[in-house]
Structure formats: C-alpha cells, structure tokens
Amino acid sequence: MNFTASNAAQIIIAIVPIVGISIGGIVIFFYILWHHHEIKLQIKTGTYNPQKFDFKTFSLLCGILLTAVGFILTFVFAILDHFTYTLLAGLIPFAVGISFLLFYKMNPDFHKKDGE
C-alpha cells in the first residue's frame, strides 16, 4: 500500500475527532465518578449540603441567550437561503428563548419577595 501525503492527512483528520470525543467522554466519566464519591463521603461524614437549582436565573439567562442566538441565526439564514428549511435552525432556538422569557415573566413564584 502506497500512501501519499494527502491520504495520511485524511486519516489523521478522520481520527482526531474520534480521539477527541473519546478522551472527552473519559474525562467526563471520571469527573462524574469523582463527584459521586465526594458526595457519598460528605453524606457519611454529615457535611453534605444539597445545592438548590435557581430556576429564575436559569430561565432568564437561557431565554436571553437563546433568543439572541436564534434571532441572529434566523436573520443570517433568511438572507442566505431565504425561506427554506434551513431557517428552522434559527427559528427553533429563537422560539425556545422566547418561551423561557415568557416563563420567567409569567411565573408568579418568581415575583414574590423573600419575606412573603
């Protein structure tokens, strides 16, 4: 088999994403395993303090980010491809972002003061 430089480059280019995803998966697996063991030890010693998820901040941040990204993608795809199925790549995050913002605005629990 006689490989030329372009064949070798194509093989390397094909292998790099596979290796990157594999190593990333291994790192994520061991991080989750380490975090699990840390939580188990905290529970055994009685120092575990569960974290509360802040839905208010999450919905506002995701709403703003997704609306902005969706708007820009919709604008760019509307200019480039006019009105085709490609436009959905911008309309979907835009609609999800608007939904998060509406959830933030309409949820009555978010508008209560700390003392109430």
N, C-alpha and C. Protein backbone atom coordinates (compact mmCIF):
# COMPACT_ATOMS: atom_id res chain seq x y z
N MET A 1 0.83 -1.18 0.00
CA MET A 1 0.00 0.00 0.00
C MET A 1 0.87 1.23 0.00
N ASN A 2 0.62 2.10 -0.94
CA ASN A 2 1.42 3.30 -1.06
C ASN A 2 0.57 4.50 -0.67
N PHE A 3 0.84 5.05 0.51
CA PHE A 3 0.10 6.21 0.98
C PHE A 3 0.80 7.48 0.54
N THR A 4 0.04 8.41 0.06
CA THR A 4 0.60 9.72 -0.24
C THR A 4 0.33 10.64 0.94
N ALA A 5 0.83 11.84 0.86
CA ALA A 5 0.66 12.79 1.96
C ALA A 5 -0.81 13.12 2.16
N SER A 6 -1.59 13.21 1.11
CA SER A 6 -3.00 13.56 1.26
C SER A 6 -3.78 12.41 1.92
N ASN A 7 -3.41 11.17 1.62
CA ASN A 7 -4.08 10.04 2.25
C ASN A 7 -3.79 10.00 3.75
N ALA A 8 -2.53 10.24 4.11
CA ALA A 8 -2.17 10.26 5.52
C ALA A 8 -2.87 11.41 6.25
N ALA A 9 -2.97 12.54 5.59
CA ALA A 9 -3.65 13.69 6.20
C ALA A 9 -5.13 13.40 6.39
N GLN A 10 -5.74 12.73 5.43
CA GLN A 10 -7.15 12.39 5.55
C GLN A 10 -7.39 11.42 6.70
N ILE A 11 -6.48 10.48 6.90
CA ILE A 11 -6.61 9.53 8.00
C ILE A 11 -6.48 10.26 9.34
N ILE A 12 -5.50 11.15 9.43
CA ILE A 12 -5.30 11.89 10.68
C ILE A 12 -6.52 12.79 10.96
N ILE A 13 -7.01 13.44 9.93
CA ILE A 13 -8.17 14.31 10.11
C ILE A 13 -9.39 13.51 10.52
N ALA A 14 -9.50 12.28 10.05
CA ALA A 14 -10.63 11.44 10.43
C ALA A 14 -10.49 10.91 11.85
N ILE A 15 -9.27 10.71 12.31
CA ILE A 15 -9.04 10.13 13.64
C ILE A 15 -9.13 11.18 14.75
N VAL A 16 -8.74 12.40 14.47
CA VAL A 16 -8.70 13.45 15.51
C VAL A 16 -10.04 13.65 16.20
N PRO A 17 -11.18 13.78 15.50
CA PRO A 17 -12.44 13.95 16.23
C PRO A 17 -12.82 12.72 17.05
N ILE A 18 -12.51 11.53 16.53
CA ILE A 18 -12.83 10.31 17.27
C ILE A 18 -12.04 10.25 18.57
N VAL A 19 -10.76 10.56 18.50
CA VAL A 19 -9.92 10.56 19.70
C VAL A 19 -10.35 11.66 20.66
N GLY A 20 -10.67 12.83 20.14
CA GLY A 20 -11.09 13.94 20.99
C GLY A 20 -12.38 13.63 21.73
N ILE A 21 -13.35 13.07 21.03
CA ILE A 21 -14.62 12.72 21.67
C ILE A 21 -14.41 11.61 22.69
N SER A 22 -13.57 10.64 22.36
CA SER A 22 -13.30 9.54 23.30
C SER A 22 -12.64 10.05 24.57
N ILE A 23 -11.63 10.87 24.43
CA ILE A 23 -10.94 11.40 25.61
C ILE A 23 -11.87 12.31 26.40
N GLY A 24 -12.67 13.11 25.71
CA GLY A 24 -13.64 13.95 26.41
C GLY A 24 -14.64 13.12 27.19
N GLY A 25 -15.11 12.03 26.60
CA GLY A 25 -16.03 11.13 27.30
C GLY A 25 -15.41 10.50 28.52
N ILE A 26 -14.15 10.11 28.41
CA ILE A 26 -13.44 9.52 29.55
C ILE A 26 -13.28 10.55 30.67
N VAL A 27 -12.93 11.77 30.32
CA VAL A 27 -12.77 12.83 31.32
C VAL A 27 -14.10 13.11 32.02
N ILE A 28 -15.18 13.19 31.26
CA ILE A 28 -16.50 13.43 31.85
C ILE A 28 -16.91 12.28 32.75
N PHE A 29 -16.65 11.03 32.32
CA PHE A 29 -16.98 9.87 33.14
C PHE A 29 -16.26 9.92 34.48
N PHE A 30 -14.95 10.18 34.46
CA PHE A 30 -14.21 10.19 35.71
C PHE A 30 -14.56 11.39 36.59
N TYR A 31 -14.94 12.51 35.98
CA TYR A 31 -15.41 13.65 36.77
C TYR A 31 -16.70 13.29 37.50
N ILE A 32 -17.63 12.66 36.79
CA ILE A 32 -18.90 12.27 37.43
C ILE A 32 -18.65 11.23 38.51
N LEU A 33 -17.75 10.27 38.25
CA LEU A 33 -17.41 9.26 39.26
C LEU A 33 -16.78 9.91 40.49
N TRP A 34 -15.84 10.83 40.29
CA TRP A 34 -15.20 11.51 41.41
C TRP A 34 -16.22 12.31 42.21
N HIS A 35 -17.11 13.02 41.52
CA HIS A 35 -18.13 13.82 42.19
C HIS A 35 -19.07 12.92 43.00
N HIS A 36 -19.41 11.76 42.45
CA HIS A 36 -20.28 10.81 43.15
C HIS A 36 -19.62 10.33 44.45
N HIS A 37 -18.32 9.98 44.37
CA HIS A 37 -17.63 9.53 45.57
C HIS A 37 -17.49 10.66 46.59
N GLU A 38 -17.28 11.87 46.12
CA GLU A 38 -17.19 13.02 47.02
C GLU A 38 -18.51 13.22 47.77
N ILE A 39 -19.63 13.14 47.06
CA ILE A 39 -20.95 13.31 47.68
C ILE A 39 -21.21 12.18 48.69
N LYS A 40 -20.83 10.94 48.32
CA LYS A 40 -21.01 9.82 49.25
C LYS A 40 -20.24 10.04 50.54
N LEU A 41 -19.00 10.51 50.43
CA LEU A 41 -18.21 10.76 51.64
C LEU A 41 -18.78 11.92 52.45
N GLN A 42 -19.30 12.93 51.79
CA GLN A 42 -19.93 14.05 52.52
C GLN A 42 -21.17 13.57 53.26
N ILE A 43 -21.93 12.68 52.66
CA ILE A 43 -23.11 12.15 53.33
C ILE A 43 -22.70 11.32 54.55
N LYS A 44 -21.64 10.52 54.40
CA LYS A 44 -21.16 9.68 55.53
C LYS A 44 -20.69 10.54 56.69
N THR A 45 -20.01 11.65 56.38
CA THR A 45 -19.47 12.49 57.45
C THR A 45 -20.49 13.51 57.96
N GLY A 46 -21.62 13.63 57.28
CA GLY A 46 -22.66 14.56 57.72
C GLY A 46 -22.42 15.99 57.30
N THR A 47 -21.56 16.22 56.32
CA THR A 47 -21.27 17.59 55.87
C THR A 47 -21.92 17.91 54.53
N TYR A 48 -22.81 17.04 54.07
CA TYR A 48 -23.43 17.26 52.75
C TYR A 48 -24.49 18.35 52.85
N ASN A 49 -24.38 19.33 51.97
CA ASN A 49 -25.33 20.42 51.89
C ASN A 49 -25.86 20.45 50.45
N PRO A 50 -27.08 19.96 50.20
CA PRO A 50 -27.57 19.89 48.82
C PRO A 50 -27.72 21.28 48.21
N GLN A 51 -27.32 21.39 46.95
CA GLN A 51 -27.42 22.65 46.24
C GLN A 51 -28.81 22.80 45.65
N LYS A 52 -29.36 23.99 45.76
CA LYS A 52 -30.66 24.27 45.17
C LYS A 52 -30.45 24.90 43.80
N PHE A 53 -31.24 24.46 42.83
CA PHE A 53 -31.14 24.99 41.47
C PHE A 53 -31.98 26.24 41.35
N ASP A 54 -31.41 27.29 40.84
CA ASP A 54 -32.10 28.58 40.71
C ASP A 54 -32.78 28.66 39.34
N PHE A 55 -34.07 28.29 39.29
CA PHE A 55 -34.81 28.30 38.03
C PHE A 55 -35.01 29.71 37.50
N LYS A 56 -35.10 30.67 38.39
CA LYS A 56 -35.34 32.05 37.97
C LYS A 56 -34.18 32.56 37.12
N THR A 57 -32.97 32.42 37.63
CA THR A 57 -31.79 32.87 36.90
C THR A 57 -31.57 32.03 35.65
N PHE A 58 -31.79 30.72 35.76
CA PHE A 58 -31.62 29.83 34.62
C PHE A 58 -32.55 30.20 33.47
N SER A 59 -33.82 30.43 33.77
CA SER A 59 -34.78 30.74 32.71
C SER A 59 -34.49 32.10 32.08
N LEU A 60 -34.06 33.06 32.89
CA LEU A 60 -33.73 34.37 32.34
C LEU A 60 -32.49 34.30 31.45
N LEU A 61 -31.43 33.66 31.94
CA LEU A 61 -30.19 33.56 31.18
C LEU A 61 -30.39 32.77 29.89
N CYS A 62 -31.02 31.61 29.98
CA CYS A 62 -31.26 30.80 28.78
C CYS A 62 -32.18 31.53 27.81
N GLY A 63 -33.17 32.21 28.32
CA GLY A 63 -34.07 32.95 27.45
C GLY A 63 -33.35 34.03 26.68
N ILE A 64 -32.52 34.79 27.35
CA ILE A 64 -31.78 35.86 26.67
C ILE A 64 -30.80 35.28 25.65
N LEU A 65 -30.04 34.26 26.05
CA LEU A 65 -29.04 33.68 25.14
C LEU A 65 -29.69 33.03 23.93
N LEU A 66 -30.71 32.21 24.16
CA LEU A 66 -31.34 31.52 23.03
C LEU A 66 -32.09 32.48 22.12
N THR A 67 -32.70 33.50 22.68
CA THR A 67 -33.38 34.48 21.84
C THR A 67 -32.37 35.22 20.96
N ALA A 68 -31.27 35.62 21.54
CA ALA A 68 -30.25 36.34 20.77
C ALA A 68 -29.64 35.45 19.68
N VAL A 69 -29.25 34.24 20.04
CA VAL A 69 -28.66 33.33 19.06
C VAL A 69 -29.68 32.98 17.98
N GLY A 70 -30.90 32.68 18.38
CA GLY A 70 -31.94 32.34 17.41
C GLY A 70 -32.25 33.49 16.47
N PHE A 71 -32.28 34.71 17.00
CA PHE A 71 -32.55 35.87 16.15
C PHE A 71 -31.45 36.05 15.12
N ILE A 72 -30.20 35.96 15.56
CA ILE A 72 -29.08 36.13 14.63
C ILE A 72 -29.08 35.04 13.57
N LEU A 73 -29.27 33.77 13.98
CA LEU A 73 -29.31 32.67 13.01
C LEU A 73 -30.47 32.82 12.04
N THR A 74 -31.63 33.20 12.53
CA THR A 74 -32.78 33.41 11.66
C THR A 74 -32.49 34.51 10.65
N PHE A 75 -31.92 35.60 11.10
CA PHE A 75 -31.59 36.72 10.23
C PHE A 75 -30.59 36.30 9.15
N VAL A 76 -29.52 35.61 9.55
CA VAL A 76 -28.48 35.20 8.60
C VAL A 76 -29.04 34.19 7.59
N PHE A 77 -29.78 33.18 8.08
CA PHE A 77 -30.31 32.17 7.16
C PHE A 77 -31.40 32.75 6.26
N ALA A 78 -32.13 33.74 6.72
CA ALA A 78 -33.14 34.38 5.87
C ALA A 78 -32.47 35.15 4.74
N ILE A 79 -31.33 35.74 5.02
CA ILE A 79 -30.60 36.47 3.98
C ILE A 79 -29.95 35.48 2.99
N LEU A 80 -29.32 34.43 3.52
CA LEU A 80 -28.57 33.50 2.67
C LEU A 80 -29.48 32.58 1.85
N ASP A 81 -30.42 31.92 2.50
CA ASP A 81 -31.23 30.90 1.83
C ASP A 81 -32.69 31.29 1.66
N HIS A 82 -33.03 32.48 2.04
CA HIS A 82 -34.42 32.95 2.02
C HIS A 82 -35.27 32.05 2.91
N PHE A 83 -36.42 31.65 2.49
CA PHE A 83 -37.32 30.90 3.38
C PHE A 83 -37.31 29.42 3.00
N THR A 84 -36.33 28.70 3.55
CA THR A 84 -36.24 27.25 3.34
C THR A 84 -36.22 26.59 4.71
N TYR A 85 -36.05 25.28 4.71
CA TYR A 85 -36.00 24.55 5.98
C TYR A 85 -34.76 24.92 6.81
N THR A 86 -33.76 25.49 6.19
CA THR A 86 -32.58 25.94 6.92
C THR A 86 -32.95 27.00 7.95
N LEU A 87 -33.98 27.75 7.66
CA LEU A 87 -34.41 28.81 8.57
C LEU A 87 -34.83 28.27 9.93
N LEU A 88 -35.24 27.00 9.97
CA LEU A 88 -35.62 26.38 11.26
C LEU A 88 -34.45 26.33 12.24
N ALA A 89 -33.21 26.30 11.71
CA ALA A 89 -32.04 26.28 12.59
C ALA A 89 -31.95 27.56 13.42
N GLY A 90 -32.58 28.62 12.98
CA GLY A 90 -32.62 29.84 13.76
C GLY A 90 -33.93 30.04 14.47
N LEU A 91 -35.02 29.58 13.86
CA LEU A 91 -36.33 29.79 14.47
C LEU A 91 -36.54 28.92 15.71
N ILE A 92 -35.97 27.72 15.73
CA ILE A 92 -36.17 26.84 16.89
C ILE A 92 -35.53 27.42 18.15
N PRO A 93 -34.23 27.81 18.16
CA PRO A 93 -33.70 28.42 19.38
C PRO A 93 -34.37 29.76 19.71
N PHE A 94 -34.79 30.49 18.69
CA PHE A 94 -35.49 31.76 18.92
C PHE A 94 -36.80 31.51 19.66
N ALA A 95 -37.57 30.52 19.22
CA ALA A 95 -38.84 30.21 19.88
C ALA A 95 -38.63 29.67 21.29
N VAL A 96 -37.61 28.85 21.48
CA VAL A 96 -37.31 28.33 22.82
C VAL A 96 -36.88 29.47 23.74
N GLY A 97 -36.08 30.39 23.24
CA GLY A 97 -35.66 31.54 24.04
C GLY A 97 -36.83 32.41 24.44
N ILE A 98 -37.74 32.67 23.51
CA ILE A 98 -38.94 33.44 23.83
C ILE A 98 -39.77 32.70 24.88
N SER A 99 -39.84 31.39 24.76
CA SER A 99 -40.59 30.59 25.73
C SER A 99 -39.98 30.71 27.12
N PHE A 100 -38.66 30.66 27.23
CA PHE A 100 -38.01 30.83 28.52
C PHE A 100 -38.28 32.21 29.10
N LEU A 101 -38.24 33.23 28.25
CA LEU A 101 -38.52 34.59 28.74
C LEU A 101 -39.96 34.74 29.19
N LEU A 102 -40.89 34.12 28.46
CA LEU A 102 -42.29 34.15 28.89
C LEU A 102 -42.48 33.41 30.21
N PHE A 103 -41.79 32.27 30.36
CA PHE A 103 -41.85 31.51 31.61
C PHE A 103 -41.34 32.36 32.76
N TYR A 104 -40.24 33.08 32.53
CA TYR A 104 -39.69 33.95 33.57
C TYR A 104 -40.67 35.06 33.92
N LYS A 105 -41.30 35.64 32.91
CA LYS A 105 -42.20 36.78 33.13
C LYS A 105 -43.52 36.35 33.77
N MET A 106 -44.06 35.18 33.40
CA MET A 106 -45.40 34.79 33.82
C MET A 106 -45.44 33.94 35.08
N ASN A 107 -44.31 33.39 35.53
CA ASN A 107 -44.31 32.54 36.71
C ASN A 107 -44.51 33.40 37.97
N PRO A 108 -45.59 33.20 38.69
CA PRO A 108 -45.85 34.06 39.86
C PRO A 108 -44.87 33.82 41.00
N ASP A 109 -44.25 32.65 41.08
CA ASP A 109 -43.29 32.38 42.16
C ASP A 109 -42.04 33.24 42.03
N PHE A 110 -41.71 33.68 40.83
CA PHE A 110 -40.51 34.48 40.64
C PHE A 110 -40.70 35.91 41.08
N HIS A 111 -41.94 36.37 41.22
CA HIS A 111 -42.19 37.76 41.55
C HIS A 111 -42.48 37.98 43.03
N LYS A 112 -42.46 36.92 43.83
CA LYS A 112 -42.64 37.06 45.27
C LYS A 112 -41.36 37.56 45.91
N LYS A 113 -41.51 38.36 46.91
CA LYS A 113 -40.35 38.84 47.66
C LYS A 113 -39.90 37.74 48.61
N ASP A 114 -38.69 37.86 49.11
CA ASP A 114 -38.13 36.84 50.02
C ASP A 114 -38.93 36.72 51.31
N GLY A 115 -39.52 37.80 51.78
CA GLY A 115 -40.26 37.79 53.03
C GLY A 115 -41.66 37.22 52.91
N GLU A 116 -42.18 37.07 51.72
CA GLU A 116 -43.57 36.60 51.55
C GLU A 116 -43.66 35.09 51.57
